[in-house]
């Protein structure tokens, strides 16, 4: 019964909008901004940091993690992916088991950089839609 209630609540809000096309365009820009941010972070920033600290090829490292990445996409759960990821780290990337078994559970719990990016863009998006100007200090705080 809840999905039906949510459907009617969303429908009522859509009918209250002045220009649904404008809202869709704004959401499209928001979606695109999040995707570009995640792309830059995942394909430029993180590989650069990996290379600077290890002097190893990040592409080879990621390819060796293929099974863990597939499991992560399939389960959408970092906890369910943990055993597979630890296996890939130890067997394919040669990471010391003491390190992988200590770091991975912590990383699976607190590694929320993608979520932080998403929430920061969401806060700025909401302020723009509501026409609330943000100062440089407020943007920096976000």
N, C-alpha and C. Protein backbone atom coordinates (compact mmCIF):
# COMPACT_ATOMS: atom_id res chain seq x y z
N UNK A 1 0.82 -1.20 0.00
CA UNK A 1 0.00 0.00 0.00
C UNK A 1 0.87 1.26 0.00
N UNK A 2 2.04 1.19 0.62
CA UNK A 2 2.92 2.36 0.68
C UNK A 2 3.35 2.87 -0.70
N UNK A 3 3.73 1.99 -1.64
CA UNK A 3 4.12 2.50 -2.95
C UNK A 3 3.01 3.31 -3.63
N UNK A 4 1.78 2.89 -3.43
CA UNK A 4 0.66 3.61 -4.02
C UNK A 4 0.52 4.99 -3.38
N UNK A 5 0.70 5.06 -2.08
CA UNK A 5 0.65 6.35 -1.39
C UNK A 5 1.74 7.29 -1.86
N UNK A 6 2.95 6.76 -2.01
CA UNK A 6 4.07 7.57 -2.50
C UNK A 6 3.79 8.05 -3.92
N UNK A 7 3.23 7.19 -4.76
CA UNK A 7 2.87 7.57 -6.12
C UNK A 7 1.95 8.78 -6.13
N UNK A 8 0.92 8.76 -5.29
CA UNK A 8 -0.03 9.87 -5.27
C UNK A 8 0.59 11.13 -4.67
N UNK A 9 1.47 11.00 -3.69
CA UNK A 9 2.15 12.17 -3.14
C UNK A 9 3.04 12.83 -4.19
N UNK A 10 3.80 12.02 -4.92
CA UNK A 10 4.67 12.55 -5.97
C UNK A 10 3.84 13.16 -7.09
N UNK A 11 2.76 12.49 -7.47
CA UNK A 11 1.89 13.01 -8.53
C UNK A 11 1.31 14.36 -8.13
N UNK A 12 0.89 14.51 -6.88
CA UNK A 12 0.35 15.79 -6.41
C UNK A 12 1.39 16.89 -6.51
N UNK A 13 2.63 16.60 -6.15
CA UNK A 13 3.69 17.61 -6.24
C UNK A 13 4.00 17.97 -7.69
N UNK A 14 3.99 16.98 -8.57
CA UNK A 14 4.24 17.25 -9.99
C UNK A 14 3.15 18.14 -10.56
N UNK A 15 1.91 17.90 -10.18
CA UNK A 15 0.80 18.71 -10.68
C UNK A 15 0.85 20.14 -10.15
N UNK A 16 1.48 20.36 -8.99
CA UNK A 16 1.62 21.71 -8.43
C UNK A 16 2.69 22.53 -9.13
N UNK A 17 3.58 21.89 -9.88
CA UNK A 17 4.69 22.59 -10.52
C UNK A 17 4.20 23.47 -11.66
N UNK A 18 4.88 24.63 -11.80
CA UNK A 18 4.55 25.54 -12.89
C UNK A 18 5.05 24.99 -14.22
N UNK A 19 6.31 24.55 -14.24
CA UNK A 19 6.90 24.07 -15.48
C UNK A 19 7.67 22.77 -15.19
N UNK A 20 7.03 21.67 -15.50
CA UNK A 20 7.64 20.37 -15.26
C UNK A 20 8.89 20.18 -16.12
N UNK A 21 8.88 20.74 -17.33
CA UNK A 21 10.04 20.63 -18.23
C UNK A 21 11.26 21.33 -17.62
N UNK A 22 11.05 22.48 -16.98
CA UNK A 22 12.15 23.19 -16.34
C UNK A 22 12.74 22.37 -15.20
N UNK A 23 11.87 21.77 -14.42
CA UNK A 23 12.33 20.93 -13.30
C UNK A 23 13.11 19.73 -13.82
N UNK A 24 12.64 19.11 -14.89
CA UNK A 24 13.37 17.98 -15.47
C UNK A 24 14.73 18.42 -15.99
N UNK A 25 14.80 19.60 -16.61
CA UNK A 25 16.09 20.11 -17.10
C UNK A 25 17.04 20.35 -15.93
N UNK A 26 16.53 20.93 -14.84
CA UNK A 26 17.37 21.17 -13.66
C UNK A 26 17.87 19.85 -13.08
N UNK A 27 16.99 18.87 -13.00
CA UNK A 27 17.40 17.55 -12.49
C UNK A 27 18.42 16.89 -13.42
N UNK A 28 18.27 17.11 -14.71
CA UNK A 28 19.25 16.58 -15.67
C UNK A 28 20.63 17.17 -15.44
N UNK A 29 20.67 18.49 -15.21
CA UNK A 29 21.97 19.14 -14.93
C UNK A 29 22.55 18.64 -13.61
N UNK A 30 21.69 18.44 -12.63
CA UNK A 30 22.14 17.91 -11.34
C UNK A 30 22.74 16.52 -11.53
N UNK A 31 22.03 15.66 -12.24
CA UNK A 31 22.48 14.29 -12.51
C UNK A 31 23.81 14.31 -13.25
N UNK A 32 23.92 15.15 -14.27
CA UNK A 32 25.15 15.26 -15.05
C UNK A 32 26.31 15.75 -14.19
N UNK A 33 26.04 16.72 -13.32
CA UNK A 33 27.09 17.25 -12.43
C UNK A 33 27.61 16.17 -11.50
N UNK A 34 26.71 15.38 -10.92
CA UNK A 34 27.13 14.29 -10.03
C UNK A 34 27.95 13.27 -10.80
N UNK A 35 27.51 12.89 -11.99
CA UNK A 35 28.25 11.91 -12.79
C UNK A 35 29.64 12.41 -13.17
N UNK A 36 29.73 13.68 -13.57
CA UNK A 36 31.04 14.24 -13.93
C UNK A 36 31.95 14.27 -12.70
N UNK A 37 31.40 14.67 -11.55
CA UNK A 37 32.19 14.69 -10.32
C UNK A 37 32.69 13.31 -9.94
N UNK A 38 31.82 12.31 -10.03
CA UNK A 38 32.23 10.94 -9.70
C UNK A 38 33.25 10.42 -10.70
N UNK A 39 33.09 10.77 -11.98
CA UNK A 39 34.05 10.36 -13.00
C UNK A 39 35.43 10.96 -12.72
N UNK A 40 35.48 12.26 -12.45
CA UNK A 40 36.76 12.92 -12.16
C UNK A 40 37.40 12.29 -10.92
N UNK A 41 36.60 12.07 -9.90
CA UNK A 41 37.13 11.49 -8.66
C UNK A 41 37.64 10.06 -8.88
N UNK A 42 36.82 9.24 -9.54
CA UNK A 42 37.17 7.83 -9.70
C UNK A 42 38.22 7.54 -10.75
N UNK A 43 38.26 8.35 -11.82
CA UNK A 43 39.16 8.03 -12.92
C UNK A 43 40.36 8.97 -13.03
N UNK A 44 40.38 10.05 -12.26
CA UNK A 44 41.53 10.96 -12.29
C UNK A 44 42.18 11.11 -10.92
N UNK A 45 41.39 11.51 -9.92
CA UNK A 45 41.95 11.82 -8.60
C UNK A 45 42.48 10.55 -7.90
N UNK A 46 41.63 9.54 -7.76
CA UNK A 46 42.06 8.33 -7.04
C UNK A 46 43.23 7.61 -7.73
N UNK A 47 43.21 7.41 -9.06
CA UNK A 47 44.37 6.78 -9.69
C UNK A 47 45.65 7.60 -9.54
N UNK A 48 45.52 8.93 -9.57
CA UNK A 48 46.70 9.78 -9.39
C UNK A 48 47.28 9.61 -7.99
N UNK A 49 46.41 9.62 -6.98
CA UNK A 49 46.88 9.42 -5.60
C UNK A 49 47.52 8.04 -5.46
N UNK A 50 46.88 7.02 -6.04
CA UNK A 50 47.44 5.66 -5.98
C UNK A 50 48.84 5.63 -6.59
N UNK A 51 48.99 6.22 -7.77
CA UNK A 51 50.29 6.22 -8.44
C UNK A 51 51.34 6.98 -7.64
N UNK A 52 50.98 8.15 -7.10
CA UNK A 52 51.94 8.95 -6.36
C UNK A 52 52.45 8.23 -5.11
N UNK A 53 51.59 7.46 -4.46
CA UNK A 53 52.00 6.78 -3.24
C UNK A 53 52.69 5.44 -3.50
N UNK A 54 52.30 4.74 -4.56
CA UNK A 54 52.83 3.39 -4.78
C UNK A 54 53.79 3.27 -5.95
N UNK A 55 53.74 4.23 -6.86
CA UNK A 55 54.53 4.19 -8.10
C UNK A 55 54.21 2.94 -8.92
N UNK A 56 52.96 2.47 -8.81
CA UNK A 56 52.49 1.33 -9.59
C UNK A 56 51.36 1.78 -10.51
N UNK A 57 51.13 0.99 -11.56
CA UNK A 57 50.10 1.31 -12.53
C UNK A 57 48.71 1.06 -11.93
N UNK A 58 47.89 2.11 -11.80
CA UNK A 58 46.56 1.91 -11.21
C UNK A 58 45.63 1.07 -12.08
N UNK A 59 45.86 1.05 -13.38
CA UNK A 59 45.00 0.27 -14.27
C UNK A 59 45.18 -1.22 -14.00
N UNK A 60 46.42 -1.66 -13.83
CA UNK A 60 46.69 -3.07 -13.52
C UNK A 60 46.06 -3.43 -12.18
N UNK A 61 46.18 -2.54 -11.21
CA UNK A 61 45.61 -2.78 -9.88
C UNK A 61 44.09 -2.96 -9.98
N UNK A 62 43.42 -2.07 -10.72
CA UNK A 62 41.97 -2.15 -10.85
C UNK A 62 41.56 -3.42 -11.62
N UNK A 63 42.30 -3.76 -12.66
CA UNK A 63 41.99 -4.98 -13.41
C UNK A 63 42.12 -6.21 -12.52
N UNK A 64 43.08 -6.21 -11.62
CA UNK A 64 43.24 -7.32 -10.68
C UNK A 64 42.09 -7.39 -9.67
N UNK A 65 41.38 -6.28 -9.50
CA UNK A 65 40.24 -6.23 -8.58
C UNK A 65 38.92 -6.51 -9.29
N UNK A 66 38.96 -6.99 -10.52
CA UNK A 66 37.76 -7.17 -11.34
C UNK A 66 36.66 -7.99 -10.68
N UNK A 67 37.03 -9.09 -10.05
CA UNK A 67 36.03 -9.95 -9.42
C UNK A 67 35.33 -9.21 -8.27
N UNK A 68 36.10 -8.45 -7.49
CA UNK A 68 35.52 -7.69 -6.39
C UNK A 68 34.61 -6.57 -6.91
N UNK A 69 35.02 -5.92 -7.99
CA UNK A 69 34.20 -4.86 -8.58
C UNK A 69 32.89 -5.43 -9.10
N UNK A 70 32.95 -6.57 -9.77
CA UNK A 70 31.73 -7.21 -10.27
C UNK A 70 30.80 -7.60 -9.12
N UNK A 71 31.38 -8.12 -8.05
CA UNK A 71 30.57 -8.48 -6.89
C UNK A 71 29.95 -7.25 -6.26
N UNK A 72 30.70 -6.16 -6.18
CA UNK A 72 30.18 -4.92 -5.60
C UNK A 72 29.00 -4.39 -6.41
N UNK A 73 29.12 -4.40 -7.73
CA UNK A 73 28.00 -3.94 -8.56
C UNK A 73 26.81 -4.89 -8.46
N UNK A 74 27.08 -6.17 -8.35
CA UNK A 74 26.00 -7.15 -8.29
C UNK A 74 25.25 -7.14 -6.98
N UNK A 75 25.94 -6.88 -5.88
CA UNK A 75 25.30 -6.94 -4.57
C UNK A 75 24.93 -5.56 -4.02
N UNK A 76 25.58 -4.51 -4.50
CA UNK A 76 25.39 -3.15 -3.97
C UNK A 76 25.67 -3.11 -2.47
N UNK A 77 26.58 -3.93 -2.02
CA UNK A 77 26.90 -3.99 -0.59
C UNK A 77 28.40 -4.13 -0.40
N UNK A 78 28.99 -3.16 0.30
CA UNK A 78 30.42 -3.26 0.56
C UNK A 78 30.73 -4.38 1.54
N UNK A 79 29.81 -4.68 2.45
CA UNK A 79 30.03 -5.77 3.40
C UNK A 79 30.02 -7.13 2.71
N UNK A 80 29.11 -7.31 1.76
CA UNK A 80 29.05 -8.58 1.03
C UNK A 80 30.26 -8.75 0.12
N UNK A 81 30.83 -7.65 -0.33
CA UNK A 81 31.97 -7.69 -1.24
C UNK A 81 33.29 -7.89 -0.50
N UNK A 82 33.29 -7.64 0.80
CA UNK A 82 34.51 -7.65 1.59
C UNK A 82 35.36 -8.91 1.44
N UNK A 83 34.83 -10.12 1.58
CA UNK A 83 35.69 -11.31 1.44
C UNK A 83 36.31 -11.44 0.05
N UNK A 84 35.54 -11.10 -0.98
CA UNK A 84 36.06 -11.18 -2.35
C UNK A 84 37.15 -10.14 -2.55
N UNK A 85 36.93 -8.93 -2.04
CA UNK A 85 37.92 -7.86 -2.19
C UNK A 85 39.22 -8.21 -1.46
N UNK A 86 39.11 -8.76 -0.27
CA UNK A 86 40.30 -9.16 0.47
C UNK A 86 41.06 -10.24 -0.30
N UNK A 87 40.33 -11.19 -0.87
CA UNK A 87 40.97 -12.23 -1.67
C UNK A 87 41.70 -11.66 -2.88
N UNK A 88 41.08 -10.72 -3.57
CA UNK A 88 41.73 -10.08 -4.73
C UNK A 88 42.98 -9.31 -4.30
N UNK A 89 42.88 -8.61 -3.19
CA UNK A 89 44.04 -7.85 -2.71
C UNK A 89 45.22 -8.77 -2.40
N UNK A 90 44.94 -9.85 -1.69
CA UNK A 90 46.02 -10.73 -1.26
C UNK A 90 46.54 -11.60 -2.40
N UNK A 91 45.65 -12.19 -3.18
CA UNK A 91 46.06 -13.15 -4.20
C UNK A 91 46.55 -12.50 -5.49
N UNK A 92 45.89 -11.44 -5.91
CA UNK A 92 46.21 -10.85 -7.22
C UNK A 92 47.08 -9.60 -7.13
N UNK A 93 46.97 -8.85 -6.04
CA UNK A 93 47.74 -7.62 -5.93
C UNK A 93 48.89 -7.72 -4.94
N UNK A 94 49.03 -8.86 -4.29
CA UNK A 94 50.17 -9.09 -3.42
C UNK A 94 50.21 -8.25 -2.15
N UNK A 95 49.05 -7.88 -1.63
CA UNK A 95 48.99 -7.09 -0.40
C UNK A 95 49.12 -8.04 0.79
N UNK A 96 49.89 -7.61 1.78
CA UNK A 96 50.09 -8.39 3.01
C UNK A 96 48.73 -8.64 3.67
N UNK A 97 48.41 -9.89 4.01
CA UNK A 97 47.12 -10.19 4.64
C UNK A 97 46.85 -9.40 5.92
N UNK A 98 47.90 -9.11 6.69
CA UNK A 98 47.70 -8.33 7.91
C UNK A 98 47.16 -6.94 7.58
N UNK A 99 47.66 -6.37 6.50
CA UNK A 99 47.22 -5.03 6.09
C UNK A 99 45.81 -5.08 5.52
N UNK A 100 45.57 -5.99 4.59
CA UNK A 100 44.25 -6.04 3.93
C UNK A 100 43.14 -6.37 4.92
N UNK A 101 43.40 -7.27 5.85
CA UNK A 101 42.36 -7.68 6.79
C UNK A 101 42.12 -6.65 7.89
N UNK A 102 43.06 -5.73 8.06
CA UNK A 102 42.85 -4.63 9.01
C UNK A 102 42.19 -3.44 8.33
N UNK A 103 42.66 -3.09 7.14
CA UNK A 103 42.22 -1.87 6.47
C UNK A 103 40.86 -2.03 5.80
N UNK A 104 40.61 -3.15 5.16
CA UNK A 104 39.38 -3.30 4.37
C UNK A 104 38.09 -3.18 5.18
N UNK A 105 37.95 -3.78 6.35
CA UNK A 105 36.70 -3.57 7.10
C UNK A 105 36.49 -2.11 7.50
N UNK A 106 37.57 -1.43 7.82
CA UNK A 106 37.46 -0.01 8.16
C UNK A 106 37.04 0.79 6.93
N UNK A 107 37.70 0.51 5.81
CA UNK A 107 37.37 1.22 4.57
C UNK A 107 35.95 0.96 4.11
N UNK A 108 35.47 -0.28 4.28
CA UNK A 108 34.10 -0.61 3.87
C UNK A 108 33.08 0.15 4.71
N UNK A 109 33.47 0.51 5.93
CA UNK A 109 32.55 1.20 6.82
C UNK A 109 32.58 2.71 6.63
N UNK A 110 33.77 3.30 6.53
CA UNK A 110 33.86 4.76 6.54
C UNK A 110 34.21 5.39 5.20
N UNK A 111 34.45 4.62 4.17
CA UNK A 111 34.80 5.19 2.87
C UNK A 111 33.55 5.67 2.16
N UNK A 112 33.22 6.92 2.34
CA UNK A 112 31.99 7.49 1.77
C UNK A 112 32.28 8.72 0.92
N UNK A 113 33.39 8.71 0.18
CA UNK A 113 33.75 9.89 -0.60
C UNK A 113 32.75 10.17 -1.72
N UNK A 114 32.23 9.13 -2.36
CA UNK A 114 31.21 9.33 -3.39
C UNK A 114 29.93 9.90 -2.81
N UNK A 115 29.55 9.43 -1.64
CA UNK A 115 28.37 9.95 -0.96
C UNK A 115 28.57 11.40 -0.57
N UNK A 116 29.76 11.75 -0.11
CA UNK A 116 30.05 13.14 0.25
C UNK A 116 29.94 14.05 -0.96
N UNK A 117 30.45 13.61 -2.10
CA UNK A 117 30.36 14.40 -3.32
C UNK A 117 28.89 14.59 -3.71
N UNK A 118 28.13 13.52 -3.67
CA UNK A 118 26.71 13.57 -4.02
C UNK A 118 25.96 14.54 -3.11
N UNK A 119 26.20 14.48 -1.82
CA UNK A 119 25.48 15.33 -0.88
C UNK A 119 25.88 16.79 -1.01
N UNK A 120 27.15 17.06 -1.29
CA UNK A 120 27.58 18.45 -1.50
C UNK A 120 26.91 19.04 -2.73
N UNK A 121 26.88 18.29 -3.82
CA UNK A 121 26.21 18.77 -5.04
C UNK A 121 24.72 18.94 -4.78
N UNK A 122 24.11 18.05 -4.00
CA UNK A 122 22.69 18.16 -3.69
C UNK A 122 22.39 19.42 -2.89
N UNK A 123 23.24 19.75 -1.92
CA UNK A 123 23.03 20.96 -1.12
C UNK A 123 23.10 22.22 -1.99
N UNK A 124 24.07 22.27 -2.88
CA UNK A 124 24.20 23.43 -3.77
C UNK A 124 23.03 23.47 -4.75
N UNK A 125 22.63 22.33 -5.27
CA UNK A 125 21.49 22.26 -6.20
C UNK A 125 20.22 22.78 -5.54
N UNK A 126 19.95 22.34 -4.32
CA UNK A 126 18.74 22.77 -3.62
C UNK A 126 18.78 24.28 -3.38
N UNK A 127 19.93 24.81 -3.00
CA UNK A 127 20.01 26.26 -2.79
C UNK A 127 19.78 27.03 -4.09
N UNK A 128 20.25 26.50 -5.21
CA UNK A 128 20.03 27.17 -6.50
C UNK A 128 18.57 27.09 -6.91
N UNK A 129 17.93 25.94 -6.73
CA UNK A 129 16.51 25.79 -7.08
C UNK A 129 15.65 26.72 -6.23
N UNK A 130 15.99 26.85 -4.97
CA UNK A 130 15.24 27.71 -4.05
C UNK A 130 15.68 29.17 -4.14
N UNK A 131 16.64 29.45 -5.04
CA UNK A 131 17.16 30.80 -5.26
C UNK A 131 17.73 31.42 -3.97
N UNK A 132 18.47 30.60 -3.25
CA UNK A 132 19.16 31.04 -2.04
C UNK A 132 20.62 31.27 -2.41
N UNK A 133 21.08 32.52 -2.41
CA UNK A 133 22.48 32.77 -2.78
C UNK A 133 23.44 32.24 -1.71
N UNK A 134 24.54 31.67 -2.15
CA UNK A 134 25.56 31.17 -1.24
C UNK A 134 26.83 31.98 -1.41
N UNK A 135 27.41 32.39 -0.30
CA UNK A 135 28.68 33.12 -0.35
C UNK A 135 29.81 32.14 -0.62
N UNK A 136 31.00 32.69 -0.88
CA UNK A 136 32.15 31.83 -1.10
C UNK A 136 32.43 30.98 0.13
N UNK A 137 32.29 31.56 1.31
CA UNK A 137 32.51 30.83 2.55
C UNK A 137 31.53 29.68 2.73
N UNK A 138 30.27 29.93 2.37
CA UNK A 138 29.27 28.87 2.47
C UNK A 138 29.55 27.75 1.47
N UNK A 139 29.96 28.12 0.26
CA UNK A 139 30.31 27.10 -0.74
C UNK A 139 31.51 26.28 -0.27
N UNK A 140 32.49 26.96 0.33
CA UNK A 140 33.68 26.26 0.82
C UNK A 140 33.30 25.31 1.97
N UNK A 141 32.33 25.71 2.79
CA UNK A 141 31.89 24.87 3.90
C UNK A 141 31.17 23.62 3.40
N UNK A 142 30.48 23.76 2.28
CA UNK A 142 29.77 22.61 1.71
C UNK A 142 30.80 21.63 1.20
